[in-house]
Amino acid sequence: MSLMARRRALRLGWQAESLAVLLLRLKGWQILARRFNVPGGEVDIIARRGSIVIFVEVKARATPEAALAAIDGVKRRRLRLAARRWLIGKDWALAGVLRCDAILVMPRRWPQHIADIEPLGP
């Protein structure tokens, strides 16, 4: 991938995540973290509403099917790993409901929030 293509992809990703944050805020979610990275894992958005904490993978593609398909097994493992690391020392979060969600971003459409795409367990 050329440098220009990589920059474009990063910009598109940041815009998709910003749109996802807006959607979550409108739905009453408090954003706890964005782009949480640890060795071997990453979560695009971590949010909380009441006793529910969600770890969100954001994907921008032409169709919802393509966006969901892009969240493959490797991406799901990275999401689970980062979520578990973020939870260390956060007993308040462990007492509630934990979910891995997806927000699918498509051109000229409102983002689609899909709850519970991946179990957080081992």
N, C-alpha and C. Protein backbone atom coordinates (compact mmCIF):
# COMPACT_ATOMS: atom_id res chain seq x y z
N MET A 1 0.85 -1.17 0.00
CA MET A 1 0.00 0.00 0.00
C MET A 1 0.90 1.24 0.00
N SER A 2 0.61 2.15 -0.90
CA SER A 2 1.42 3.37 -0.98
C SER A 2 1.18 4.25 0.24
N LEU A 3 2.08 5.18 0.46
CA LEU A 3 1.95 6.10 1.58
C LEU A 3 0.67 6.92 1.47
N MET A 4 0.35 7.37 0.26
CA MET A 4 -0.86 8.17 0.07
C MET A 4 -2.12 7.34 0.35
N ALA A 5 -2.13 6.10 -0.11
CA ALA A 5 -3.27 5.22 0.14
C ALA A 5 -3.41 4.92 1.63
N ARG A 6 -2.29 4.73 2.28
CA ARG A 6 -2.33 4.48 3.74
C ARG A 6 -2.87 5.68 4.49
N ARG A 7 -2.44 6.87 4.12
CA ARG A 7 -2.95 8.08 4.77
C ARG A 7 -4.45 8.24 4.54
N ARG A 8 -4.89 7.95 3.33
CA ARG A 8 -6.33 8.04 3.02
C ARG A 8 -7.12 7.04 3.88
N ALA A 9 -6.60 5.82 4.00
CA ALA A 9 -7.26 4.79 4.81
C ALA A 9 -7.32 5.21 6.28
N LEU A 10 -6.23 5.77 6.79
CA LEU A 10 -6.22 6.23 8.18
C LEU A 10 -7.22 7.36 8.40
N ARG A 11 -7.29 8.29 7.43
CA ARG A 11 -8.25 9.40 7.54
C ARG A 11 -9.68 8.88 7.51
N LEU A 12 -9.96 7.94 6.61
CA LEU A 12 -11.29 7.35 6.52
C LEU A 12 -11.63 6.63 7.82
N GLY A 13 -10.67 5.92 8.39
CA GLY A 13 -10.89 5.22 9.65
C GLY A 13 -11.20 6.18 10.79
N TRP A 14 -10.45 7.27 10.86
CA TRP A 14 -10.68 8.27 11.91
C TRP A 14 -12.07 8.90 11.74
N GLN A 15 -12.46 9.20 10.50
CA GLN A 15 -13.79 9.77 10.25
C GLN A 15 -14.89 8.79 10.63
N ALA A 16 -14.71 7.52 10.30
CA ALA A 16 -15.70 6.49 10.65
C ALA A 16 -15.82 6.37 12.16
N GLU A 17 -14.70 6.39 12.86
CA GLU A 17 -14.73 6.30 14.33
C GLU A 17 -15.40 7.53 14.93
N SER A 18 -15.16 8.70 14.37
CA SER A 18 -15.80 9.92 14.88
C SER A 18 -17.31 9.86 14.68
N LEU A 19 -17.75 9.34 13.55
CA LEU A 19 -19.19 9.17 13.31
C LEU A 19 -19.77 8.14 14.29
N ALA A 20 -19.02 7.08 14.56
CA ALA A 20 -19.47 6.07 15.52
C ALA A 20 -19.58 6.66 16.92
N VAL A 21 -18.64 7.51 17.31
CA VAL A 21 -18.70 8.18 18.61
C VAL A 21 -19.95 9.05 18.70
N LEU A 22 -20.23 9.79 17.64
CA LEU A 22 -21.43 10.62 17.61
C LEU A 22 -22.68 9.77 17.79
N LEU A 23 -22.77 8.66 17.07
CA LEU A 23 -23.91 7.75 17.20
C LEU A 23 -24.06 7.28 18.64
N LEU A 24 -22.96 6.83 19.23
CA LEU A 24 -23.03 6.33 20.60
C LEU A 24 -23.45 7.42 21.58
N ARG A 25 -22.91 8.60 21.44
CA ARG A 25 -23.29 9.71 22.33
C ARG A 25 -24.77 10.03 22.20
N LEU A 26 -25.28 10.03 20.98
CA LEU A 26 -26.71 10.29 20.77
C LEU A 26 -27.58 9.21 21.41
N LYS A 27 -27.03 8.01 21.53
CA LYS A 27 -27.75 6.91 22.16
C LYS A 27 -27.52 6.85 23.67
N GLY A 28 -26.82 7.85 24.22
CA GLY A 28 -26.64 7.93 25.66
C GLY A 28 -25.41 7.26 26.22
N TRP A 29 -24.47 6.87 25.39
CA TRP A 29 -23.25 6.22 25.84
C TRP A 29 -22.20 7.26 26.21
N GLN A 30 -21.45 6.98 27.26
CA GLN A 30 -20.31 7.81 27.67
C GLN A 30 -19.06 7.16 27.07
N ILE A 31 -18.27 7.93 26.35
CA ILE A 31 -17.06 7.39 25.73
C ILE A 31 -15.94 7.38 26.77
N LEU A 32 -15.40 6.20 27.03
CA LEU A 32 -14.34 6.04 28.02
C LEU A 32 -12.95 6.08 27.39
N ALA A 33 -12.84 5.58 26.17
CA ALA A 33 -11.54 5.54 25.50
C ALA A 33 -11.75 5.39 24.00
N ARG A 34 -10.76 5.90 23.26
CA ARG A 34 -10.73 5.73 21.80
C ARG A 34 -9.36 5.19 21.44
N ARG A 35 -9.34 4.28 20.49
CA ARG A 35 -8.10 3.69 19.98
C ARG A 35 -7.20 3.17 21.10
N PHE A 36 -7.77 2.33 21.94
CA PHE A 36 -7.01 1.72 23.03
C PHE A 36 -6.15 0.61 22.44
N ASN A 37 -4.84 0.74 22.58
CA ASN A 37 -3.88 -0.21 22.01
C ASN A 37 -3.03 -0.86 23.08
N VAL A 38 -2.84 -2.15 22.93
CA VAL A 38 -1.87 -2.89 23.73
C VAL A 38 -1.14 -3.82 22.76
N PRO A 39 0.00 -4.34 23.15
CA PRO A 39 0.68 -5.29 22.25
C PRO A 39 -0.26 -6.45 21.90
N GLY A 40 -0.52 -6.61 20.62
CA GLY A 40 -1.37 -7.71 20.17
C GLY A 40 -2.85 -7.42 20.15
N GLY A 41 -3.28 -6.20 20.51
CA GLY A 41 -4.71 -5.94 20.52
C GLY A 41 -5.07 -4.48 20.41
N GLU A 42 -6.31 -4.23 20.01
CA GLU A 42 -6.78 -2.86 19.83
C GLU A 42 -8.30 -2.83 19.93
N VAL A 43 -8.80 -1.76 20.56
CA VAL A 43 -10.23 -1.49 20.60
C VAL A 43 -10.42 -0.07 20.06
N ASP A 44 -11.32 0.08 19.11
CA ASP A 44 -11.55 1.41 18.52
C ASP A 44 -12.22 2.36 19.52
N ILE A 45 -13.27 1.87 20.19
CA ILE A 45 -14.01 2.70 21.14
C ILE A 45 -14.41 1.85 22.34
N ILE A 46 -14.27 2.41 23.54
CA ILE A 46 -14.80 1.79 24.75
C ILE A 46 -15.81 2.77 25.32
N ALA A 47 -17.02 2.27 25.59
CA ALA A 47 -18.09 3.16 26.05
C ALA A 47 -18.88 2.50 27.17
N ARG A 48 -19.59 3.35 27.90
CA ARG A 48 -20.37 2.87 29.05
C ARG A 48 -21.73 3.56 29.06
N ARG A 49 -22.75 2.76 29.37
CA ARG A 49 -24.09 3.30 29.62
C ARG A 49 -24.66 2.47 30.77
N GLY A 50 -24.83 3.14 31.91
CA GLY A 50 -25.27 2.41 33.10
C GLY A 50 -24.24 1.38 33.50
N SER A 51 -24.68 0.14 33.65
CA SER A 51 -23.77 -0.93 34.06
C SER A 51 -23.21 -1.72 32.87
N ILE A 52 -23.44 -1.22 31.66
CA ILE A 52 -22.96 -1.91 30.45
C ILE A 52 -21.71 -1.21 29.93
N VAL A 53 -20.68 -1.99 29.67
CA VAL A 53 -19.46 -1.49 29.03
C VAL A 53 -19.31 -2.22 27.71
N ILE A 54 -19.11 -1.43 26.64
CA ILE A 54 -18.95 -2.06 25.33
C ILE A 54 -17.57 -1.75 24.75
N PHE A 55 -17.04 -2.73 24.05
CA PHE A 55 -15.77 -2.63 23.34
C PHE A 55 -16.14 -2.69 21.87
N VAL A 56 -15.93 -1.59 21.16
CA VAL A 56 -16.50 -1.44 19.82
C VAL A 56 -15.42 -1.49 18.74
N GLU A 57 -15.68 -2.32 17.75
CA GLU A 57 -14.88 -2.36 16.52
C GLU A 57 -15.66 -1.58 15.47
N VAL A 58 -15.02 -0.59 14.85
CA VAL A 58 -15.65 0.22 13.82
C VAL A 58 -15.08 -0.19 12.47
N LYS A 59 -15.98 -0.44 11.50
CA LYS A 59 -15.54 -0.80 10.15
C LYS A 59 -16.30 0.02 9.13
N ALA A 60 -15.56 0.66 8.23
CA ALA A 60 -16.14 1.42 7.14
C ALA A 60 -15.95 0.65 5.84
N ARG A 61 -17.06 0.31 5.22
CA ARG A 61 -17.03 -0.42 3.95
C ARG A 61 -18.24 0.03 3.12
N ALA A 62 -18.32 -0.45 1.89
CA ALA A 62 -19.40 -0.06 0.98
C ALA A 62 -20.75 -0.62 1.40
N THR A 63 -20.74 -1.80 2.00
CA THR A 63 -22.00 -2.44 2.42
C THR A 63 -21.87 -2.96 3.85
N PRO A 64 -23.02 -3.15 4.53
CA PRO A 64 -22.94 -3.71 5.89
C PRO A 64 -22.34 -5.12 5.89
N GLU A 65 -22.62 -5.89 4.87
CA GLU A 65 -22.08 -7.25 4.79
C GLU A 65 -20.56 -7.23 4.68
N ALA A 66 -20.04 -6.33 3.85
CA ALA A 66 -18.58 -6.22 3.69
C ALA A 66 -17.94 -5.74 4.99
N ALA A 67 -18.59 -4.80 5.67
CA ALA A 67 -18.04 -4.27 6.93
C ALA A 67 -17.99 -5.38 7.99
N LEU A 68 -19.07 -6.13 8.11
CA LEU A 68 -19.12 -7.20 9.11
C LEU A 68 -18.12 -8.31 8.76
N ALA A 69 -17.99 -8.62 7.48
CA ALA A 69 -17.04 -9.65 7.05
C ALA A 69 -15.59 -9.24 7.35
N ALA A 70 -15.33 -7.93 7.38
CA ALA A 70 -13.97 -7.45 7.67
C ALA A 70 -13.57 -7.65 9.13
N ILE A 71 -14.53 -7.96 9.97
CA ILE A 71 -14.22 -8.23 11.38
C ILE A 71 -14.01 -9.75 11.49
N ASP A 72 -12.87 -10.18 11.03
CA ASP A 72 -12.56 -11.61 10.95
C ASP A 72 -12.06 -12.15 12.29
N GLY A 73 -11.68 -13.41 12.28
CA GLY A 73 -11.22 -14.06 13.51
C GLY A 73 -10.03 -13.38 14.15
N VAL A 74 -9.07 -12.94 13.35
CA VAL A 74 -7.89 -12.25 13.89
C VAL A 74 -8.32 -10.95 14.55
N LYS A 75 -9.16 -10.17 13.88
CA LYS A 75 -9.63 -8.89 14.42
C LYS A 75 -10.40 -9.12 15.72
N ARG A 76 -11.20 -10.16 15.78
CA ARG A 76 -11.99 -10.46 16.99
C ARG A 76 -11.09 -10.87 18.16
N ARG A 77 -10.04 -11.63 17.88
CA ARG A 77 -9.09 -12.00 18.94
C ARG A 77 -8.37 -10.77 19.47
N ARG A 78 -7.97 -9.87 18.58
CA ARG A 78 -7.29 -8.63 18.99
C ARG A 78 -8.22 -7.76 19.85
N LEU A 79 -9.49 -7.74 19.48
CA LEU A 79 -10.49 -6.99 20.23
C LEU A 79 -10.66 -7.57 21.64
N ARG A 80 -10.80 -8.89 21.74
CA ARG A 80 -10.96 -9.56 23.04
C ARG A 80 -9.73 -9.33 23.92
N LEU A 81 -8.54 -9.48 23.33
CA LEU A 81 -7.30 -9.31 24.10
C LEU A 81 -7.21 -7.90 24.67
N ALA A 82 -7.44 -6.89 23.86
CA ALA A 82 -7.35 -5.50 24.32
C ALA A 82 -8.44 -5.22 25.37
N ALA A 83 -9.64 -5.76 25.17
CA ALA A 83 -10.71 -5.56 26.14
C ALA A 83 -10.32 -6.13 27.49
N ARG A 84 -9.77 -7.33 27.49
CA ARG A 84 -9.36 -7.95 28.76
C ARG A 84 -8.27 -7.13 29.45
N ARG A 85 -7.33 -6.61 28.67
CA ARG A 85 -6.27 -5.78 29.25
C ARG A 85 -6.83 -4.48 29.82
N TRP A 86 -7.79 -3.88 29.13
CA TRP A 86 -8.38 -2.62 29.60
C TRP A 86 -9.12 -2.86 30.92
N LEU A 87 -9.70 -4.03 31.09
CA LEU A 87 -10.47 -4.35 32.29
C LEU A 87 -9.63 -4.56 33.54
N ILE A 88 -8.33 -4.75 33.39
CA ILE A 88 -7.46 -4.99 34.55
C ILE A 88 -7.56 -3.81 35.52
N GLY A 89 -7.91 -4.11 36.75
CA GLY A 89 -8.00 -3.10 37.81
C GLY A 89 -9.28 -2.28 37.77
N LYS A 90 -10.21 -2.63 36.91
CA LYS A 90 -11.48 -1.89 36.81
C LYS A 90 -12.62 -2.76 37.33
N ASP A 91 -12.60 -3.00 38.64
CA ASP A 91 -13.61 -3.87 39.25
C ASP A 91 -15.03 -3.36 39.03
N TRP A 92 -15.19 -2.04 38.97
CA TRP A 92 -16.51 -1.47 38.73
C TRP A 92 -17.09 -1.96 37.40
N ALA A 93 -16.24 -2.15 36.40
CA ALA A 93 -16.70 -2.61 35.09
C ALA A 93 -17.00 -4.11 35.11
N LEU A 94 -16.19 -4.86 35.85
CA LEU A 94 -16.38 -6.31 35.90
C LEU A 94 -17.70 -6.70 36.56
N ALA A 95 -18.24 -5.80 37.38
CA ALA A 95 -19.52 -6.09 38.06
C ALA A 95 -20.71 -5.92 37.13
N GLY A 96 -20.51 -5.33 35.95
CA GLY A 96 -21.63 -5.07 35.04
C GLY A 96 -21.64 -6.03 33.87
N VAL A 97 -22.31 -5.61 32.81
CA VAL A 97 -22.41 -6.38 31.57
C VAL A 97 -21.31 -5.90 30.62
N LEU A 98 -20.59 -6.85 30.04
CA LEU A 98 -19.50 -6.54 29.12
C LEU A 98 -19.86 -7.10 27.74
N ARG A 99 -19.67 -6.28 26.71
CA ARG A 99 -19.99 -6.73 25.36
C ARG A 99 -18.94 -6.27 24.36
N CYS A 100 -18.79 -7.05 23.31
CA CYS A 100 -18.02 -6.63 22.14
C CYS A 100 -19.04 -6.32 21.05
N ASP A 101 -19.09 -5.07 20.61
CA ASP A 101 -20.05 -4.61 19.61
C ASP A 101 -19.31 -4.19 18.35
N ALA A 102 -20.08 -3.95 17.29
CA ALA A 102 -19.52 -3.41 16.05
C ALA A 102 -20.38 -2.23 15.61
N ILE A 103 -19.73 -1.26 15.02
CA ILE A 103 -20.46 -0.18 14.35
C ILE A 103 -19.97 -0.19 12.91
N LEU A 104 -20.92 -0.39 12.00
CA LEU A 104 -20.63 -0.49 10.59
C LEU A 104 -20.96 0.85 9.93
N VAL A 105 -19.99 1.41 9.22
CA VAL A 105 -20.15 2.72 8.59
C VAL A 105 -20.10 2.53 7.08
N MET A 106 -21.18 2.97 6.41
CA MET A 106 -21.29 2.88 4.96
C MET A 106 -21.52 4.27 4.38
N PRO A 107 -21.13 4.49 3.14
CA PRO A 107 -21.32 5.81 2.54
C PRO A 107 -22.81 6.19 2.48
N ARG A 108 -23.10 7.44 2.78
CA ARG A 108 -24.44 8.03 2.69
C ARG A 108 -25.51 7.28 3.47
N ARG A 109 -25.11 6.62 4.55
CA ARG A 109 -26.07 5.90 5.41
C ARG A 109 -25.69 6.14 6.86
N TRP A 110 -26.70 6.10 7.72
CA TRP A 110 -26.45 6.20 9.15
C TRP A 110 -25.72 4.94 9.60
N PRO A 111 -24.74 5.05 10.50
CA PRO A 111 -24.02 3.86 10.96
C PRO A 111 -24.95 2.84 11.61
N GLN A 112 -24.57 1.60 11.49
CA GLN A 112 -25.35 0.49 12.05
C GLN A 112 -24.61 -0.07 13.26
N HIS A 113 -25.29 -0.07 14.42
CA HIS A 113 -24.70 -0.57 15.66
C HIS A 113 -25.20 -2.00 15.88
N ILE A 114 -24.27 -2.93 15.93
CA ILE A 114 -24.60 -4.34 16.15
C ILE A 114 -24.05 -4.74 17.50
N ALA A 115 -24.93 -5.14 18.39
CA ALA A 115 -24.54 -5.51 19.76
C ALA A 115 -24.07 -6.95 19.84
N ASP A 116 -23.09 -7.18 20.71
CA ASP A 116 -22.68 -8.52 21.10
C ASP A 116 -22.22 -9.39 19.95
N ILE A 117 -21.24 -8.90 19.18
CA ILE A 117 -20.76 -9.67 18.03
C ILE A 117 -19.79 -10.79 18.42
N GLU A 118 -19.25 -10.69 19.62
CA GLU A 118 -18.20 -11.64 20.02
C GLU A 118 -18.22 -11.83 21.53
N PRO A 119 -18.24 -13.09 22.00
CA PRO A 119 -18.15 -13.30 23.44
C PRO A 119 -16.81 -12.80 23.96
N LEU A 120 -16.81 -12.24 25.15
CA LEU A 120 -15.58 -11.71 25.74
C LEU A 120 -14.77 -12.78 26.45
N GLY A 121 -15.35 -13.94 26.64
CA GLY A 121 -14.66 -15.02 27.36
C GLY A 121 -13.43 -15.50 26.64
N PRO A 122 -12.79 -16.57 27.16
CA PRO A 122 -11.51 -17.05 26.62
C PRO A 122 -11.56 -17.50 25.21
